Amino acid sequence: MMDEDLYPEITINGEKIKRNELVPEDLQHKIKGKTLEVYYYLVMNQGKHGVRKLQRELDYNSASLVSYHLDRLLDYELISKTNEGKYYVEVDPAKLGELENFIIIAGKYIPKISMYGYQAFSQIIVAIIFLLLNVQPIVWAIYLIASSTGFLIFILRDSLAVLNKIRP
C-alpha cells in the first residue's frame, strides 16, 4: 500500500488538506514511510510531543527510531523543537503547500502571477523604446522570440504542475 493511500487527507482547523498539500512538493519523494507517519501524527495531534510519547503512541520499538525520523523532519524544516525537547508542527499554511503559488528569487517570495505582469510590462516598455528609436524589424523579431520563449517555458512548467495535481 502506498503512502498516499494510508494518508489521503486530514482536517486541520476545519479545512481538509490532502497529502500532497501536507508535504511540500520538493520533499514528497523524501518524506515516506515512518517519517511520514511521524509527521502525520504530529500534524493530526497538535501540541508538543516528546520522543517517548511518540514512541508509545506510534508503537515503535525504540525511541532512537522516533528520534531519527524527528531529526529528518527537523532537517526538512517541517517541524520545530522546543528547548525542553518537545516536537511540534507549526500549522502554517505556507508550510502546508500554499507556497506553490510563489517563486523564490534572492531569498524573497514573489507571487508567480506577478511574473505575468512583469512580462507584459517589460514588453510594452521595450516596444515603446523600439518605436521611439525606429528599430529594425529583425531586432523586434529577435526580442519577441527570445522573451516569449522564456515566458512560454515558465507558463508550460506551471501548467504541467497544475495538470499533475488535478489528474486522478
C-alpha atoms as a PDB file:
ATOM      1  CA  MET A   1       0.000   0.000   0.000  1.00  0.00           C
ATOM      2  CA  MET A   2       1.347   3.426  -0.896  1.00  0.00           C
ATOM      3  CA  ASP A   3       1.749   6.362   1.491  1.00  0.00           C
ATOM      4  CA  GLU A   4      -0.902   8.257  -0.476  1.00  0.00           C
ATOM      5  CA  ASP A   5      -3.402   5.514   0.349  1.00  0.00           C
ATOM      6  CA  LEU A   6      -2.512   5.496   4.057  1.00  0.00           C
ATOM      7  CA  TYR A   7      -2.742   9.263   4.444  1.00  0.00           C
ATOM      8  CA  PRO A   8      -5.196  10.517   1.816  1.00  0.00           C
ATOM      9  CA  GLU A   9      -6.261  13.713   3.603  1.00  0.00           C
ATOM     10  CA  ILE A  10      -6.610  15.233   7.048  1.00  0.00           C
ATOM     11  CA  THR A  11      -8.584  18.089   8.556  1.00  0.00           C
ATOM     12  CA  ILE A  12      -6.799  20.987  10.241  1.00  0.00           C
ATOM     13  CA  ASN A  13      -8.806  23.851  11.694  1.00  0.00           C
ATOM     14  CA  GLY A  14     -11.858  22.605   9.798  1.00  0.00           C
ATOM     15  CA  GLU A  15     -10.022  22.621   6.454  1.00  0.00           C
ATOM     16  CA  LYS A  16      -9.328  19.407   4.529  1.00  0.00           C
ATOM     17  CA  ILE A  17      -5.720  19.038   3.442  1.00  0.00           C
ATOM     18  CA  LYS A  18      -4.529  16.344   1.026  1.00  0.00           C
ATOM     19  CA  ARG A  19      -1.202  14.540   1.497  1.00  0.00           C
ATOM     20  CA  ASN A  20       0.322  16.366  -1.461  1.00  0.00           C
ATOM     21  CA  GLU A  21      -0.524  19.624   0.324  1.00  0.00           C
ATOM     22  CA  LEU A  22       0.723  18.348   3.680  1.00  0.00           C
ATOM     23  CA  VAL A  23       4.247  17.734   2.440  1.00  0.00           C
ATOM     24  CA  PRO A  24       5.812  20.327   0.117  1.00  0.00           C
ATOM     25  CA  GLU A  25       6.217  19.066  -3.448  1.00  0.00           C
ATOM     26  CA  ASP A  26      10.017  19.138  -3.374  1.00  0.00           C
ATOM     27  CA  LEU A  27      10.055  16.842  -0.306  1.00  0.00           C
ATOM     28  CA  GLN A  28       7.350  14.341  -1.278  1.00  0.00           C
ATOM     29  CA  HIS A  29       9.874  11.837  -2.627  1.00  0.00           C
ATOM     30  CA  LYS A  30      11.870  12.061   0.644  1.00  0.00           C
ATOM     31  CA  ILE A  31       9.078  12.044   3.254  1.00  0.00           C
ATOM     32  CA  LYS A  32       7.733   8.492   3.155  1.00  0.00           C
ATOM     33  CA  GLY A  33       7.071   5.526   5.364  1.00  0.00           C
ATOM     34  CA  LYS A  34       7.727   6.002   9.062  1.00  0.00           C
ATOM     35  CA  THR A  35       8.969   9.582   8.597  1.00  0.00           C
ATOM     36  CA  LEU A  36       5.621  10.455   7.014  1.00  0.00           C
ATOM     37  CA  GLU A  37       3.827   8.538   9.778  1.00  0.00           C
ATOM     38  CA  VAL A  38       5.584  10.595  12.484  1.00  0.00           C
ATOM     39  CA  TYR A  39       4.886  13.838  10.624  1.00  0.00           C
ATOM     40  CA  TYR A  40       1.257  12.881  10.058  1.00  0.00           C
ATOM     41  CA  TYR A  41       0.837  12.093  13.756  1.00  0.00           C
ATOM     42  CA  LEU A  42       2.301  15.474  14.762  1.00  0.00           C
ATOM     43  CA  VAL A  43       0.009  17.302  12.340  1.00  0.00           C
ATOM     44  CA  MET A  44      -3.081  15.379  13.447  1.00  0.00           C
ATOM     45  CA  ASN A  45      -2.308  15.712  17.173  1.00  0.00           C
ATOM     46  CA  GLN A  46      -1.481  19.366  17.554  1.00  0.00           C
ATOM     47  CA  GLY A  47       0.619  20.180  20.556  1.00  0.00           C
ATOM     48  CA  LYS A  48       4.114  19.458  21.739  1.00  0.00           C
ATOM     49  CA  HIS A  49       5.177  15.831  21.977  1.00  0.00           C
ATOM     50  CA  GLY A  50       8.227  14.132  23.453  1.00  0.00           C
ATOM     51  CA  VAL A  51      10.108  11.246  21.886  1.00  0.00           C
ATOM     52  CA  ARG A  52       8.867   8.669  24.419  1.00  0.00           C
ATOM     53  CA  LYS A  53       5.234   9.717  23.963  1.00  0.00           C
ATOM     54  CA  LEU A  54       5.578   9.425  20.187  1.00  0.00           C
ATOM     55  CA  GLN A  55       7.209   6.007  20.623  1.00  0.00           C
ATOM     56  CA  ARG A  56       4.257   4.793  22.709  1.00  0.00           C
ATOM     57  CA  GLU A  57       1.578   6.364  20.513  1.00  0.00           C
ATOM     58  CA  LEU A  58       3.064   5.077  17.256  1.00  0.00           C
ATOM     59  CA  ASP A  59       4.011   1.707  18.786  1.00  0.00           C
ATOM     60  CA  TYR A  60       7.647   1.896  17.678  1.00  0.00           C
ATOM     61  CA  ASN A  61      10.267  -0.444  19.132  1.00  0.00           C
ATOM     62  CA  SER A  62      12.755   2.223  20.169  1.00  0.00           C
ATOM     63  CA  ALA A  63      12.980   5.894  20.999  1.00  0.00           C
ATOM     64  CA  SER A  64      16.058   6.173  18.783  1.00  0.00           C
ATOM     65  CA  LEU A  65      13.942   5.229  15.747  1.00  0.00           C
ATOM     66  CA  VAL A  66      11.497   8.025  16.587  1.00  0.00           C
ATOM     67  CA  SER A  67      14.425  10.417  17.117  1.00  0.00           C
ATOM     68  CA  TYR A  68      15.842   9.515  13.720  1.00  0.00           C
ATOM     69  CA  HIS A  69      12.587  10.377  11.948  1.00  0.00           C
ATOM     70  CA  LEU A  70      12.134  13.543  14.002  1.00  0.00           C
ATOM     71  CA  ASP A  71      15.649  14.640  13.052  1.00  0.00           C
ATOM     72  CA  ARG A  72      14.807  14.130   9.373  1.00  0.00           C
ATOM     73  CA  LEU A  73      11.688  16.258   9.759  1.00  0.00           C
ATOM     74  CA  LEU A  74      13.719  18.928  11.568  1.00  0.00           C
ATOM     75  CA  ASP A  75      16.280  18.890   8.753  1.00  0.00           C
ATOM     76  CA  TYR A  76      13.484  19.467   6.231  1.00  0.00           C
ATOM     77  CA  GLU A  77      12.132  22.269   8.472  1.00  0.00           C
ATOM     78  CA  LEU A  78       8.694  20.656   8.648  1.00  0.00           C
ATOM     79  CA  ILE A  79       8.646  20.573  12.447  1.00  0.00           C
ATOM     80  CA  SER A  80      10.108  22.592  15.291  1.00  0.00           C
ATOM     81  CA  LYS A  81      11.615  21.643  18.638  1.00  0.00           C
ATOM     82  CA  THR A  82      11.267  23.381  21.988  1.00  0.00           C
ATOM     83  CA  ASN A  83      14.143  23.928  24.422  1.00  0.00           C
ATOM     84  CA  GLU A  84      12.604  21.148  26.526  1.00  0.00           C
ATOM     85  CA  GLY A  85      12.965  18.644  23.667  1.00  0.00           C
ATOM     86  CA  LYS A  86       9.318  18.568  22.607  1.00  0.00           C
ATOM     87  CA  TYR A  87       8.423  18.422  18.923  1.00  0.00           C
ATOM     88  CA  TYR A  88       5.553  20.156  17.184  1.00  0.00           C
ATOM     89  CA  VAL A  89       4.251  21.278  13.814  1.00  0.00           C
ATOM     90  CA  GLU A  90       3.550  24.936  13.314  1.00  0.00           C
ATOM     91  CA  VAL A  91       0.284  24.805  11.417  1.00  0.00           C
ATOM     92  CA  ASP A  92       1.314  27.462   8.977  1.00  0.00           C
ATOM     93  CA  PRO A  93      -0.464  27.352   5.611  1.00  0.00           C
ATOM     94  CA  ALA A  94       2.812  28.386   3.978  1.00  0.00           C
ATOM     95  CA  LYS A  95       4.394  25.138   5.206  1.00  0.00           C
ATOM     96  CA  LEU A  96       1.418  23.088   4.073  1.00  0.00           C
ATOM     97  CA  GLY A  97       1.745  23.741   0.370  1.00  0.00           C
ATOM     98  CA  GLU A  98       0.431  27.243  -0.164  1.00  0.00           C
ATOM     99  CA  LEU A  99       3.866  28.469  -1.237  1.00  0.00           C
ATOM    100  CA  GLU A 100       3.359  26.715  -4.543  1.00  0.00           C
ATOM    101  CA  ASN A 101       1.964  29.982  -5.903  1.00  0.00           C
ATOM    102  CA  PHE A 102       5.278  31.727  -5.231  1.00  0.00           C
ATOM    103  CA  ILE A 103       8.778  31.570  -6.615  1.00  0.00           C
ATOM    104  CA  ILE A 104      11.854  32.378  -4.597  1.00  0.00           C
ATOM    105  CA  ILE A 105      14.205  34.960  -6.072  1.00  0.00           C
ATOM    106  CA  ALA A 106      17.183  36.072  -3.986  1.00  0.00           C
ATOM    107  CA  GLY A 107      15.502  34.716  -0.844  1.00  0.00           C
ATOM    108  CA  LYS A 108      12.277  36.677  -1.437  1.00  0.00           C
ATOM    109  CA  TYR A 109       8.887  35.073  -2.082  1.00  0.00           C
ATOM    110  CA  ILE A 110       7.426  36.532  -5.279  1.00  0.00           C
ATOM    111  CA  PRO A 111       3.866  35.665  -6.391  1.00  0.00           C
ATOM    112  CA  LYS A 112       4.015  33.765  -9.678  1.00  0.00           C
ATOM    113  CA  ILE A 113       1.186  35.873 -11.049  1.00  0.00           C
ATOM    114  CA  SER A 114       3.423  38.944 -10.800  1.00  0.00           C
ATOM    115  CA  MET A 115       5.736  37.331 -13.363  1.00  0.00           C
ATOM    116  CA  TYR A 116       2.932  37.549 -15.925  1.00  0.00           C
ATOM    117  CA  GLY A 117       2.530  41.244 -15.173  1.00  0.00           C
ATOM    118  CA  TYR A 118       6.285  41.769 -15.357  1.00  0.00           C
ATOM    119  CA  GLN A 119       6.417  40.089 -18.768  1.00  0.00           C
ATOM    120  CA  ALA A 120       3.593  42.223 -20.164  1.00  0.00           C
ATOM    121  CA  PHE A 121       5.012  45.430 -18.659  1.00  0.00           C
ATOM    122  CA  SER A 122       8.534  44.789 -19.957  1.00  0.00           C
ATOM    123  CA  GLN A 123       7.275  44.019 -23.464  1.00  0.00           C
ATOM    124  CA  ILE A 124       5.282  47.265 -23.524  1.00  0.00           C
ATOM    125  CA  ILE A 125       8.290  49.300 -22.355  1.00  0.00           C
ATOM    126  CA  VAL A 126      10.623  47.676 -24.870  1.00  0.00           C
ATOM    127  CA  ALA A 127       8.053  48.162 -27.668  1.00  0.00           C
ATOM    128  CA  ILE A 128       7.804  51.879 -26.830  1.00  0.00           C
ATOM    129  CA  ILE A 129      11.600  52.205 -26.812  1.00  0.00           C
ATOM    130  CA  PHE A 130      11.863  50.335 -30.134  1.00  0.00           C
ATOM    131  CA  LEU A 131       9.195  52.612 -31.653  1.00  0.00           C
ATOM    132  CA  LEU A 132      10.944  55.761 -30.440  1.00  0.00           C
ATOM    133  CA  LEU A 133      14.323  54.566 -31.706  1.00  0.00           C
ATOM    134  CA  ASN A 134      12.887  53.331 -35.017  1.00  0.00           C
ATOM    135  CA  VAL A 135      14.476  49.898 -34.529  1.00  0.00           C
ATOM    136  CA  GLN A 136      14.763  47.471 -37.451  1.00  0.00           C
ATOM    137  CA  PRO A 137      12.110  44.718 -37.699  1.00  0.00           C
ATOM    138  CA  ILE A 138      14.718  41.954 -37.288  1.00  0.00           C
ATOM    139  CA  VAL A 139      15.623  43.299 -33.824  1.00  0.00           C
ATOM    140  CA  TRP A 140      11.912  43.309 -32.905  1.00  0.00           C
ATOM    141  CA  ALA A 141      11.610  39.703 -34.062  1.00  0.00           C
ATOM    142  CA  ILE A 142      14.672  38.531 -32.133  1.00  0.00           C
ATOM    143  CA  TYR A 143      13.491  40.281 -28.970  1.00  0.00           C
ATOM    144  CA  LEU A 144       9.955  38.893 -29.215  1.00  0.00           C
ATOM    145  CA  ILE A 145      11.148  35.355 -29.905  1.00  0.00           C
ATOM    146  CA  ALA A 146      13.654  35.393 -27.036  1.00  0.00           C
ATOM    147  CA  SER A 147      11.369  36.932 -24.430  1.00  0.00           C
ATOM    148  CA  SER A 148       8.312  34.930 -25.458  1.00  0.00           C
ATOM    149  CA  THR A 149      10.231  31.632 -25.440  1.00  0.00           C
ATOM    150  CA  GLY A 150      11.436  32.196 -21.885  1.00  0.00           C
ATOM    151  CA  PHE A 151       7.977  33.158 -20.734  1.00  0.00           C
ATOM    152  CA  LEU A 152       6.382  30.221 -22.572  1.00  0.00           C
ATOM    153  CA  ILE A 153       8.675  27.813 -20.714  1.00  0.00           C
ATOM    154  CA  PHE A 154       7.587  29.381 -17.404  1.00  0.00           C
ATOM    155  CA  ILE A 155       3.887  29.050 -18.305  1.00  0.00           C
ATOM    156  CA  LEU A 156       4.220  25.466 -19.565  1.00  0.00           C
ATOM    157  CA  ARG A 157       6.057  24.373 -16.409  1.00  0.00           C
ATOM    158  CA  ASP A 158       3.299  25.808 -14.224  1.00  0.00           C
ATOM    159  CA  SER A 159       0.575  24.360 -16.456  1.00  0.00           C
ATOM    160  CA  LEU A 160       2.073  20.877 -16.190  1.00  0.00           C
ATOM    161  CA  ALA A 161       2.282  21.224 -12.404  1.00  0.00           C
ATOM    162  CA  VAL A 162      -1.435  22.129 -12.276  1.00  0.00           C
ATOM    163  CA  LEU A 163      -2.349  19.255 -14.594  1.00  0.00           C
ATOM    164  CA  ASN A 164      -0.441  16.777 -12.429  1.00  0.00           C
ATOM    165  CA  LYS A 165      -2.392  17.947  -9.375  1.00  0.00           C
ATOM    166  CA  ILE A 166      -5.840  17.521 -10.914  1.00  0.00           C
ATOM    167  CA  ARG A 167      -5.219  14.143 -12.535  1.00  0.00           C
ATOM    168  CA  PRO A 168      -6.658  11.256 -10.532  1.00  0.00           C
END
